[in-house]
Amino acid sequence: MPDNLPPAFVAYPHLPGHQLVSLQGVDAAAFAHAQFSSDVTALPLLHWQWSAWLSAKGRTLAVFQLLRLAEDHVMLVLADGDADAIASQLQRFVFRRKVKLQVHTDLMVTGAFTAPEAASGAAIARAEGADWELDLGSDALPRTLRIGAATADAEGDPAAFAAAWRQADLRFGLPRLDASQREVWTPQQLGLDRLNGYSVKKGCYPGQEIVARTHFLGKAKRAVQLLHTAAPAQAGEAVQQGGAALGTIASVAGDLTLAVLPLETSDGELQVGGVAAQRVPLLDGLAR
């Protein structure tokens, strides 16, 4: 199979699918802590972590980067968009908390397949020509994400760049959820433990009881596996082994897929759409 290394793109094209939501106010961190799966109040300022918003049944509605930019400012980077709908749904839970939700059209997200100039790991940095710089890769596959003022100019081919970026996400085991795959999977099934994307110790948040019970009782029986498919695949499509359904594809990026498969299964050949699918090792290094 091809090594799926990203092509040599011009630095910092726009990532058009990425959208931003700010939570601002004295209760911003507390509100985010109560709604999302990660331990927000333990996150230092100018650091970020992976997080998720879950349904009451512990199913994943969205996976995102959560940035703690100031005592009163939390920002969500939503790679799969839907910012307006998510902000609208979150607004229903604000009640009397002092927090304001804003979908940003004044900012844009750009990226590069190069190591950051100043950011490292979970630490956020300022960068020339951007408000914030984030380390979104590893030594094996360096990537930099930047958030800055929206402009009309976009270097290179944003669509091709976004496709390569999405493939890199899947190589790290980061699920990219289309609308059909939202509210389908638990965080454990999506492998969010590899990214430190949820906490089982911080207390209540939507779906926390399901997540904690699965964790402490050892009931997780499925997790994501990266597959290379010889033919085009679709999210929701079955993965088969020996003619029987074994699992389901959760994310697709070109010829790579993240499939939710049993933790215990044979090494026998897998098929997607009647064509062989090859297992590919996931890259480490994206946990924050």
Protein backbone atom coordinates (compact mmCIF):
# COMPACT_ATOMS: atom_id res chain seq x y z
CA MET A 1 0.00 0.00 0.00
CA PRO A 2 1.16 3.64 -0.38
CA ASP A 3 2.80 5.26 2.63
CA ASN A 4 0.14 8.02 2.61
CA LEU A 5 2.66 10.72 3.47
CA PRO A 6 1.24 14.18 2.72
CA PRO A 7 2.38 15.93 -0.43
CA ALA A 8 4.56 19.03 -0.31
CA PHE A 9 1.90 21.71 0.12
CA VAL A 10 2.46 25.44 0.24
CA ALA A 11 2.56 26.45 3.90
CA TYR A 12 -0.65 27.38 5.70
CA PRO A 13 -3.53 26.88 3.27
CA HIS A 14 -7.00 27.41 4.70
CA LEU A 15 -8.70 24.36 6.25
CA PRO A 16 -12.21 25.20 5.04
CA GLY A 17 -14.09 22.57 7.05
CA HIS A 18 -12.73 23.77 10.41
CA GLN A 19 -14.97 26.10 12.42
CA LEU A 20 -14.51 27.93 15.72
CA VAL A 21 -16.76 28.52 18.71
CA SER A 22 -15.75 30.74 21.63
CA LEU A 23 -17.10 30.51 25.18
CA GLN A 24 -16.36 33.78 26.96
CA GLY A 25 -17.23 35.03 30.42
CA VAL A 26 -16.33 34.34 34.03
CA ASP A 27 -18.14 30.97 33.89
CA ALA A 28 -16.69 29.85 30.54
CA ALA A 29 -14.34 27.20 31.93
CA ALA A 30 -16.87 25.91 34.47
CA PHE A 31 -19.55 25.66 31.78
CA ALA A 32 -17.21 23.79 29.41
CA HIS A 33 -16.12 21.52 32.27
CA ALA A 34 -19.75 20.59 32.98
CA GLN A 35 -20.65 19.94 29.33
CA PHE A 36 -17.60 18.27 27.77
CA SER A 37 -15.73 15.03 28.38
CA SER A 38 -12.29 16.44 29.26
CA ASP A 39 -11.07 17.97 32.52
CA VAL A 40 -11.26 21.63 31.52
CA THR A 41 -10.60 23.21 34.91
CA ALA A 42 -7.33 21.26 35.23
CA LEU A 43 -6.10 22.55 31.87
CA PRO A 44 -3.48 25.31 32.26
CA LEU A 45 -3.95 28.61 30.47
CA LEU A 46 -2.62 28.72 26.90
CA HIS A 47 -2.85 24.94 26.63
CA TRP A 48 -5.25 22.70 24.71
CA GLN A 49 -6.68 19.20 24.93
CA TRP A 50 -8.88 16.85 22.96
CA SER A 51 -12.46 16.76 24.15
CA ALA A 52 -15.92 15.61 23.09
CA TRP A 53 -19.54 16.51 23.59
CA LEU A 54 -21.67 13.46 24.36
CA SER A 55 -25.35 12.67 24.49
CA ALA A 56 -26.96 11.62 27.75
CA LYS A 57 -26.54 8.03 26.52
CA GLY A 58 -22.78 8.46 26.21
CA ARG A 59 -22.71 8.66 22.41
CA THR A 60 -20.34 11.10 20.70
CA LEU A 61 -21.91 14.20 19.17
CA ALA A 62 -18.65 15.97 18.33
CA VAL A 63 -14.89 15.60 18.81
CA PHE A 64 -12.83 18.79 18.95
CA GLN A 65 -9.80 20.64 20.25
CA LEU A 66 -10.52 22.65 23.38
CA LEU A 67 -8.25 25.65 23.90
CA ARG A 68 -8.01 27.50 27.21
CA LEU A 69 -6.91 30.92 26.02
CA ALA A 70 -7.62 32.93 29.18
CA GLU A 71 -9.37 32.61 32.53
CA ASP A 72 -12.58 33.72 30.82
CA HIS A 73 -12.06 32.36 27.30
CA VAL A 74 -12.38 28.79 26.00
CA MET A 75 -12.35 28.07 22.26
CA LEU A 76 -13.48 24.95 20.39
CA VAL A 77 -11.86 23.99 17.08
CA LEU A 78 -14.41 21.86 15.24
CA ALA A 79 -12.72 20.03 12.38
CA ASP A 80 -16.04 18.64 11.19
CA GLY A 81 -17.89 21.95 11.26
CA ASP A 82 -21.53 22.24 12.40
CA ALA A 83 -20.53 25.15 14.65
CA ASP A 84 -23.87 26.97 14.38
CA ALA A 85 -25.87 23.89 15.40
CA ILE A 86 -23.52 23.00 18.26
CA ALA A 87 -23.50 26.57 19.61
CA SER A 88 -27.28 26.68 19.41
CA GLN A 89 -27.64 23.39 21.28
CA LEU A 90 -25.11 24.46 23.93
CA GLN A 91 -26.99 27.70 24.47
CA ARG A 92 -29.91 25.72 25.90
CA PHE A 93 -27.73 24.72 28.86
CA VAL A 94 -26.32 28.14 29.73
CA PHE A 95 -29.20 29.12 32.08
CA ARG A 96 -27.82 31.74 34.48
CA ARG A 97 -24.14 31.08 33.89
CA LYS A 98 -22.12 34.08 32.81
CA VAL A 99 -20.90 32.78 29.48
CA LYS A 100 -21.42 33.99 25.91
CA LEU A 101 -21.20 31.67 22.92
CA GLN A 102 -19.88 32.99 19.60
CA VAL A 103 -19.32 31.31 16.25
CA HIS A 104 -16.31 32.99 14.66
CA THR A 105 -16.51 34.21 11.09
CA ASP A 106 -13.73 36.71 11.75
CA LEU A 107 -11.11 33.99 12.24
CA MET A 108 -9.89 31.16 10.04
CA VAL A 109 -7.94 27.95 10.58
CA THR A 110 -4.87 27.17 8.49
CA GLY A 111 -2.31 24.38 8.63
CA ALA A 112 1.04 23.08 7.47
CA PHE A 113 2.82 19.74 7.36
CA THR A 114 5.79 21.23 9.18
CA ALA A 115 6.84 21.42 12.83
CA PRO A 116 5.56 24.46 14.75
CA GLU A 117 7.74 27.51 15.18
CA ALA A 118 6.94 27.92 18.89
CA ALA A 119 4.08 25.65 20.01
CA SER A 120 4.92 22.27 21.51
CA GLY A 121 2.68 19.44 22.65
CA ALA A 122 -0.33 20.92 24.43
CA ALA A 123 1.25 24.38 24.83
CA ILE A 124 -0.26 27.09 22.62
CA ALA A 125 2.02 29.81 21.22
CA ARG A 126 1.74 33.06 19.32
CA ALA A 127 3.09 33.02 15.79
CA GLU A 128 3.83 35.57 13.11
CA GLY A 129 0.74 36.17 11.00
CA ALA A 130 -1.55 34.28 13.38
CA ASP A 131 -3.20 34.74 16.75
CA TRP A 132 -2.47 31.21 17.98
CA GLU A 133 -0.25 28.30 16.89
CA LEU A 134 -0.81 24.67 17.90
CA ASP A 135 1.28 21.52 17.59
CA LEU A 136 -0.95 18.97 15.88
CA GLY A 137 1.58 16.32 14.96
CA SER A 138 4.54 14.24 16.08
CA ASP A 139 8.12 13.57 15.03
CA ALA A 140 6.81 10.94 12.61
CA LEU A 141 4.27 13.31 11.04
CA PRO A 142 4.77 16.97 12.01
CA ARG A 143 1.85 19.36 11.59
CA THR A 144 1.08 22.90 12.66
CA LEU A 145 -2.37 24.45 13.01
CA ARG A 146 -2.83 28.21 13.16
CA ILE A 147 -5.82 30.40 14.01
CA GLY A 148 -5.80 33.97 12.74
CA ALA A 149 -7.75 36.71 11.04
CA ALA A 150 -9.90 35.58 8.12
CA THR A 151 -8.63 36.65 4.71
CA ALA A 152 -9.91 36.27 1.17
CA ASP A 153 -6.63 34.78 0.00
CA ALA A 154 -5.81 31.07 0.21
CA GLU A 155 -2.48 29.68 -0.87
CA GLY A 156 -2.30 26.42 -2.82
CA ASP A 157 -5.32 24.13 -3.22
CA PRO A 158 -7.39 24.17 0.02
CA ALA A 159 -9.51 21.17 -1.01
CA ALA A 160 -6.50 18.93 -1.70
CA PHE A 161 -4.81 20.15 1.45
CA ALA A 162 -7.92 19.49 3.57
CA ALA A 163 -8.12 15.94 2.15
CA ALA A 164 -4.47 15.26 3.07
CA TRP A 165 -5.04 16.76 6.53
CA ARG A 166 -8.04 14.51 7.08
CA GLN A 167 -5.97 11.47 6.11
CA ALA A 168 -3.31 12.50 8.61
CA ASP A 169 -5.99 12.78 11.30
CA LEU A 170 -7.08 9.20 10.65
CA ARG A 171 -3.46 7.99 10.71
CA PHE A 172 -3.24 9.35 14.27
CA GLY A 173 -6.56 7.68 15.18
CA LEU A 174 -8.46 10.97 15.36
CA PRO A 175 -12.04 10.26 14.25
CA ARG A 176 -13.59 12.62 11.73
CA LEU A 177 -17.34 12.22 12.07
CA ASP A 178 -19.76 12.82 9.23
CA ALA A 179 -23.35 13.62 10.19
CA SER A 180 -24.37 9.97 9.81
CA GLN A 181 -21.85 8.88 12.46
CA ARG A 182 -22.74 11.40 15.17
CA GLU A 183 -24.49 10.03 18.25
CA VAL A 184 -23.52 6.48 17.19
CA TRP A 185 -20.28 5.69 19.04
CA THR A 186 -19.03 5.84 22.61
CA PRO A 187 -15.70 7.61 23.25
CA GLN A 188 -14.09 4.24 23.99
CA GLN A 189 -15.24 2.79 20.67
CA LEU A 190 -13.74 5.79 18.88
CA GLY A 191 -10.44 5.35 20.73
CA LEU A 192 -10.56 8.75 22.43
CA ASP A 193 -8.58 7.24 25.32
CA ARG A 194 -5.55 7.26 22.96
CA LEU A 195 -5.93 11.04 22.75
CA ASN A 196 -6.72 11.61 26.45
CA GLY A 197 -10.05 12.89 25.15
CA TYR A 198 -12.19 12.09 28.18
CA SER A 199 -11.95 11.95 31.97
CA VAL A 200 -13.40 9.29 34.26
CA LYS A 201 -12.49 11.18 37.43
CA LYS A 202 -13.69 14.75 37.05
CA GLY A 203 -17.37 14.28 37.91
CA CYS A 204 -20.62 14.79 36.06
CA TYR A 205 -21.03 15.71 32.40
CA PRO A 206 -23.52 14.41 29.81
CA GLY A 207 -22.84 10.70 29.24
CA GLN A 208 -20.31 10.50 32.09
CA GLU A 209 -22.05 7.61 33.82
CA ILE A 210 -21.90 5.45 30.68
CA VAL A 211 -18.26 6.35 30.05
CA ALA A 212 -17.20 5.64 33.63
CA ARG A 213 -19.12 2.36 33.85
CA THR A 214 -17.56 1.12 30.63
CA HIS A 215 -14.12 2.12 31.86
CA PHE A 216 -14.21 0.75 35.38
CA LEU A 217 -16.12 -2.45 34.58
CA GLY A 218 -13.93 -3.21 31.58
CA LYS A 219 -16.90 -3.43 29.23
CA ALA A 220 -15.26 -1.84 26.20
CA LYS A 221 -15.29 -4.55 23.56
CA ARG A 222 -14.65 -2.52 20.40
CA ALA A 223 -12.18 0.14 19.28
CA VAL A 224 -11.04 1.82 16.09
CA GLN A 225 -8.60 0.20 13.68
CA LEU A 226 -7.04 1.97 10.71
CA LEU A 227 -7.66 0.24 7.39
CA HIS A 228 -6.43 0.83 3.86
CA THR A 229 -9.16 0.06 1.34
CA ALA A 230 -8.51 -0.76 -2.29
CA ALA A 231 -11.95 0.53 -3.31
CA PRO A 232 -13.87 3.63 -2.17
CA ALA A 233 -15.64 3.14 1.16
CA GLN A 234 -18.33 5.06 3.02
CA ALA A 235 -18.95 5.83 6.68
CA GLY A 236 -21.47 3.33 8.05
CA GLU A 237 -20.38 0.58 5.65
CA ALA A 238 -19.80 -2.88 7.10
CA VAL A 239 -16.40 -4.51 7.53
CA GLN A 240 -16.58 -8.24 6.96
CA GLN A 241 -14.41 -11.22 7.76
CA GLY A 242 -15.08 -14.63 6.28
CA GLY A 243 -18.36 -13.41 4.80
CA ALA A 244 -19.75 -12.25 8.17
CA ALA A 245 -20.17 -8.68 9.40
CA LEU A 246 -17.41 -7.85 11.90
CA GLY A 247 -17.59 -4.09 12.39
CA THR A 248 -18.48 -0.73 10.88
CA ILE A 249 -16.58 2.13 9.27
CA ALA A 250 -16.82 5.32 11.35
CA SER A 251 -14.57 7.68 9.33
CA VAL A 252 -13.29 7.82 5.76
CA ALA A 253 -10.45 9.84 4.21
CA GLY A 254 -9.61 8.77 0.68
CA ASP A 255 -8.29 5.21 0.81
CA LEU A 256 -8.01 5.22 4.62
CA THR A 257 -10.80 4.40 7.06
CA LEU A 258 -11.24 4.16 10.80
CA ALA A 259 -13.37 1.10 11.50
CA VAL A 260 -14.85 0.14 14.85
CA LEU A 261 -13.92 -3.52 15.27
CA PRO A 262 -13.93 -6.04 18.14
CA LEU A 263 -10.88 -5.89 20.39
CA GLU A 264 -10.58 -9.65 20.08
CA THR A 265 -10.62 -10.88 16.52
CA SER A 266 -8.54 -13.14 14.30
CA ASP A 267 -5.85 -11.94 11.92
CA GLY A 268 -7.89 -13.19 8.98
CA GLU A 269 -8.41 -11.03 5.91
CA LEU A 270 -10.93 -8.19 6.17
CA GLN A 271 -13.18 -7.02 3.36
CA VAL A 272 -15.03 -3.78 2.69
CA GLY A 273 -17.51 -3.84 -0.16
CA GLY A 274 -16.26 -7.28 -1.14
CA VAL A 275 -12.68 -6.02 -1.59
CA ALA A 276 -9.76 -6.76 0.72
CA ALA A 277 -8.92 -4.15 3.34
CA GLN A 278 -5.46 -4.03 4.91
CA ARG A 279 -4.84 -3.24 8.58
CA VAL A 280 -2.48 -0.29 9.11
CA PRO A 281 -0.78 0.62 12.43
CA LEU A 282 -1.98 3.85 14.00
CA LEU A 283 0.54 6.60 14.68
CA ASP A 284 1.13 7.71 18.26
CA GLY A 285 1.98 11.22 19.34
CA LEU A 286 -1.30 13.15 19.15
CA ALA A 287 -2.41 12.68 22.77
CA ARG A 288 -2.57 15.95 24.67
